[in-house]
Amino acid sequence: MSAALDILSWFCLVAGGAFCAIGALGLVRMPDFYTRMHAASITDTVGAGLMLLGMMLQAGFTLVTVKLVMIGLLLLFASPTATHALAKAALARGLKPLLAAGDDPSKP
């Protein structure tokens, strides 16, 4: 049972790390603010969540797991809320999303 738990834990840790690395590449490659913000929010929520899950499996049923759950809940609620607020603020400031290949989001 311990070997299976270690394998599952390492799978979650590696998958979370890979997800964060691919998301960082997406931040560089995306064309405008809104798509970059989407990539960052998904990376933050899912990548960090997988890494937290892997650490919880390694910790077992201890106080450390409770603390990791609290961190996970904070990320689960704060990250989408902050992303939504940031998108609404950018839209209120007049930053237009890139809709077609030839559009320039800086022009009204």
C-alpha atoms as a PDB file:
ATOM      1  CA  MET A   1       0.000   0.000   0.000  1.00  0.00           C
ATOM      2  CA  SER A   2       2.842   2.393   0.787  1.00  0.00           C
ATOM      3  CA  ALA A   3       4.439   1.949  -2.644  1.00  0.00           C
ATOM      4  CA  ALA A   4       1.130   2.628  -4.405  1.00  0.00           C
ATOM      5  CA  LEU A   5       0.606   5.747  -2.277  1.00  0.00           C
ATOM      6  CA  ASP A   6       4.127   6.962  -3.071  1.00  0.00           C
ATOM      7  CA  ILE A   7       3.582   6.402  -6.790  1.00  0.00           C
ATOM      8  CA  LEU A   8       0.255   8.259  -6.732  1.00  0.00           C
ATOM      9  CA  SER A   9       1.804  11.078  -4.711  1.00  0.00           C
ATOM     10  CA  TRP A  10       4.735  11.465  -7.076  1.00  0.00           C
ATOM     11  CA  PHE A  11       2.400  11.327 -10.067  1.00  0.00           C
ATOM     12  CA  CYS A  12       0.397  14.242  -8.615  1.00  0.00           C
ATOM     13  CA  LEU A  13       3.560  16.203  -7.826  1.00  0.00           C
ATOM     14  CA  VAL A  14       5.067  15.686 -11.284  1.00  0.00           C
ATOM     15  CA  ALA A  15       1.763  16.384 -13.051  1.00  0.00           C
ATOM     16  CA  GLY A  16       1.291  19.576 -11.027  1.00  0.00           C
ATOM     17  CA  GLY A  17       4.820  20.715 -11.782  1.00  0.00           C
ATOM     18  CA  ALA A  18       4.414  19.944 -15.476  1.00  0.00           C
ATOM     19  CA  PHE A  19       1.095  21.758 -15.525  1.00  0.00           C
ATOM     20  CA  CYS A  20       2.709  24.844 -13.952  1.00  0.00           C
ATOM     21  CA  ALA A  21       5.616  24.742 -16.423  1.00  0.00           C
ATOM     22  CA  ILE A  22       3.294  24.419 -19.427  1.00  0.00           C
ATOM     23  CA  GLY A  23       1.154  27.234 -18.025  1.00  0.00           C
ATOM     24  CA  ALA A  24       4.230  29.448 -17.710  1.00  0.00           C
ATOM     25  CA  LEU A  25       5.006  28.764 -21.354  1.00  0.00           C
ATOM     26  CA  GLY A  26       1.403  29.678 -22.159  1.00  0.00           C
ATOM     27  CA  LEU A  27       1.857  33.016 -20.405  1.00  0.00           C
ATOM     28  CA  VAL A  28       4.680  33.852 -22.776  1.00  0.00           C
ATOM     29  CA  ARG A  29       2.925  32.572 -25.897  1.00  0.00           C
ATOM     30  CA  MET A  30      -0.591  33.997 -25.469  1.00  0.00           C
ATOM     31  CA  PRO A  31      -1.377  37.088 -27.577  1.00  0.00           C
ATOM     32  CA  ASP A  32      -3.299  39.399 -25.217  1.00  0.00           C
ATOM     33  CA  PHE A  33      -4.027  40.208 -21.588  1.00  0.00           C
ATOM     34  CA  TYR A  34      -7.212  38.157 -21.235  1.00  0.00           C
ATOM     35  CA  THR A  35      -5.801  34.921 -22.622  1.00  0.00           C
ATOM     36  CA  ARG A  36      -2.669  35.324 -20.492  1.00  0.00           C
ATOM     37  CA  MET A  37      -4.809  35.888 -17.431  1.00  0.00           C
ATOM     38  CA  HIS A  38      -6.821  32.758 -18.251  1.00  0.00           C
ATOM     39  CA  ALA A  39      -3.644  30.690 -18.574  1.00  0.00           C
ATOM     40  CA  ALA A  40      -2.333  32.042 -15.275  1.00  0.00           C
ATOM     41  CA  SER A  41      -5.553  31.336 -13.383  1.00  0.00           C
ATOM     42  CA  ILE A  42      -5.883  27.777 -14.652  1.00  0.00           C
ATOM     43  CA  THR A  43      -2.228  27.086 -13.907  1.00  0.00           C
ATOM     44  CA  ASP A  44      -2.529  28.508 -10.423  1.00  0.00           C
ATOM     45  CA  THR A  45      -5.659  26.563  -9.538  1.00  0.00           C
ATOM     46  CA  VAL A  46      -5.002  23.168 -11.117  1.00  0.00           C
ATOM     47  CA  GLY A  47      -1.201  22.990 -11.001  1.00  0.00           C
ATOM     48  CA  ALA A  48      -0.936  24.107  -7.404  1.00  0.00           C
ATOM     49  CA  GLY A  49      -3.918  21.924  -6.487  1.00  0.00           C
ATOM     50  CA  LEU A  50      -2.247  18.818  -7.885  1.00  0.00           C
ATOM     51  CA  MET A  51       0.975  19.620  -6.074  1.00  0.00           C
ATOM     52  CA  LEU A  52      -0.916  20.157  -2.817  1.00  0.00           C
ATOM     53  CA  LEU A  53      -2.713  16.839  -3.322  1.00  0.00           C
ATOM     54  CA  GLY A  54       0.633  15.098  -3.807  1.00  0.00           C
ATOM     55  CA  MET A  55       1.973  16.649  -0.633  1.00  0.00           C
ATOM     56  CA  MET A  56      -1.169  15.628   1.271  1.00  0.00           C
ATOM     57  CA  LEU A  57      -0.700  12.032   0.168  1.00  0.00           C
ATOM     58  CA  GLN A  58       2.904  12.142   1.376  1.00  0.00           C
ATOM     59  CA  ALA A  59       1.952  13.676   4.739  1.00  0.00           C
ATOM     60  CA  GLY A  60      -0.747  11.137   5.612  1.00  0.00           C
ATOM     61  CA  PHE A  61      -3.424  11.978   8.179  1.00  0.00           C
ATOM     62  CA  THR A  62      -1.561  14.602  10.214  1.00  0.00           C
ATOM     63  CA  LEU A  63      -1.849  18.259  11.128  1.00  0.00           C
ATOM     64  CA  VAL A  64       0.251  19.026   8.052  1.00  0.00           C
ATOM     65  CA  THR A  65      -2.557  17.661   5.862  1.00  0.00           C
ATOM     66  CA  VAL A  66      -5.070  19.937   7.563  1.00  0.00           C
ATOM     67  CA  LYS A  67      -2.817  22.921   6.868  1.00  0.00           C
ATOM     68  CA  LEU A  68      -2.423  21.860   3.223  1.00  0.00           C
ATOM     69  CA  VAL A  69      -6.215  21.564   2.899  1.00  0.00           C
ATOM     70  CA  MET A  70      -6.567  25.105   4.252  1.00  0.00           C
ATOM     71  CA  ILE A  71      -4.033  26.373   1.714  1.00  0.00           C
ATOM     72  CA  GLY A  72      -5.883  24.505  -1.039  1.00  0.00           C
ATOM     73  CA  LEU A  73      -9.217  26.019  -0.035  1.00  0.00           C
ATOM     74  CA  LEU A  74      -7.656  29.468   0.006  1.00  0.00           C
ATOM     75  CA  LEU A  75      -6.305  28.924  -3.516  1.00  0.00           C
ATOM     76  CA  LEU A  76      -9.598  27.443  -4.709  1.00  0.00           C
ATOM     77  CA  PHE A  77     -11.602  30.473  -3.615  1.00  0.00           C
ATOM     78  CA  ALA A  78      -9.117  33.342  -3.975  1.00  0.00           C
ATOM     79  CA  SER A  79      -7.621  32.604  -7.386  1.00  0.00           C
ATOM     80  CA  PRO A  80     -10.824  32.594  -9.488  1.00  0.00           C
ATOM     81  CA  THR A  81     -12.164  35.574  -7.551  1.00  0.00           C
ATOM     82  CA  ALA A  82      -9.012  37.610  -8.126  1.00  0.00           C
ATOM     83  CA  THR A  83      -8.937  36.663 -11.801  1.00  0.00           C
ATOM     84  CA  HIS A  84     -12.558  37.713 -12.256  1.00  0.00           C
ATOM     85  CA  ALA A  85     -11.960  41.037 -10.489  1.00  0.00           C
ATOM     86  CA  LEU A  86      -8.856  41.691 -12.585  1.00  0.00           C
ATOM     87  CA  ALA A  87     -10.717  40.952 -15.824  1.00  0.00           C
ATOM     88  CA  LYS A  88     -13.600  43.242 -14.872  1.00  0.00           C
ATOM     89  CA  ALA A  89     -11.174  46.027 -13.924  1.00  0.00           C
ATOM     90  CA  ALA A  90      -9.327  45.697 -17.237  1.00  0.00           C
ATOM     91  CA  LEU A  91     -12.599  45.750 -19.163  1.00  0.00           C
ATOM     92  CA  ALA A  92     -13.801  48.787 -17.190  1.00  0.00           C
ATOM     93  CA  ARG A  93     -10.517  50.572 -18.022  1.00  0.00           C
ATOM     94  CA  GLY A  94     -11.234  50.018 -21.705  1.00  0.00           C
ATOM     95  CA  LEU A  95      -8.837  47.187 -22.514  1.00  0.00           C
ATOM     96  CA  LYS A  96     -10.518  45.313 -25.339  1.00  0.00           C
ATOM     97  CA  PRO A  97     -10.012  41.577 -25.875  1.00  0.00           C
ATOM     98  CA  LEU A  98      -8.283  40.400 -29.027  1.00  0.00           C
ATOM     99  CA  LEU A  99     -11.112  39.021 -31.145  1.00  0.00           C
ATOM    100  CA  ALA A 100      -9.536  38.301 -34.514  1.00  0.00           C
ATOM    101  CA  ALA A 101      -6.035  37.735 -35.828  1.00  0.00           C
ATOM    102  CA  GLY A 102      -5.689  41.312 -37.134  1.00  0.00           C
ATOM    103  CA  ASP A 103      -7.272  43.185 -34.207  1.00  0.00           C
ATOM    104  CA  ASP A 104      -5.153  45.481 -32.067  1.00  0.00           C
ATOM    105  CA  PRO A 105      -6.503  45.447 -28.480  1.00  0.00           C
ATOM    106  CA  SER A 106      -4.859  48.803 -27.634  1.00  0.00           C
ATOM    107  CA  LYS A 107      -6.969  50.724 -30.194  1.00  0.00           C
ATOM    108  CA  PRO A 108     -10.588  51.635 -29.365  1.00  0.00           C
END
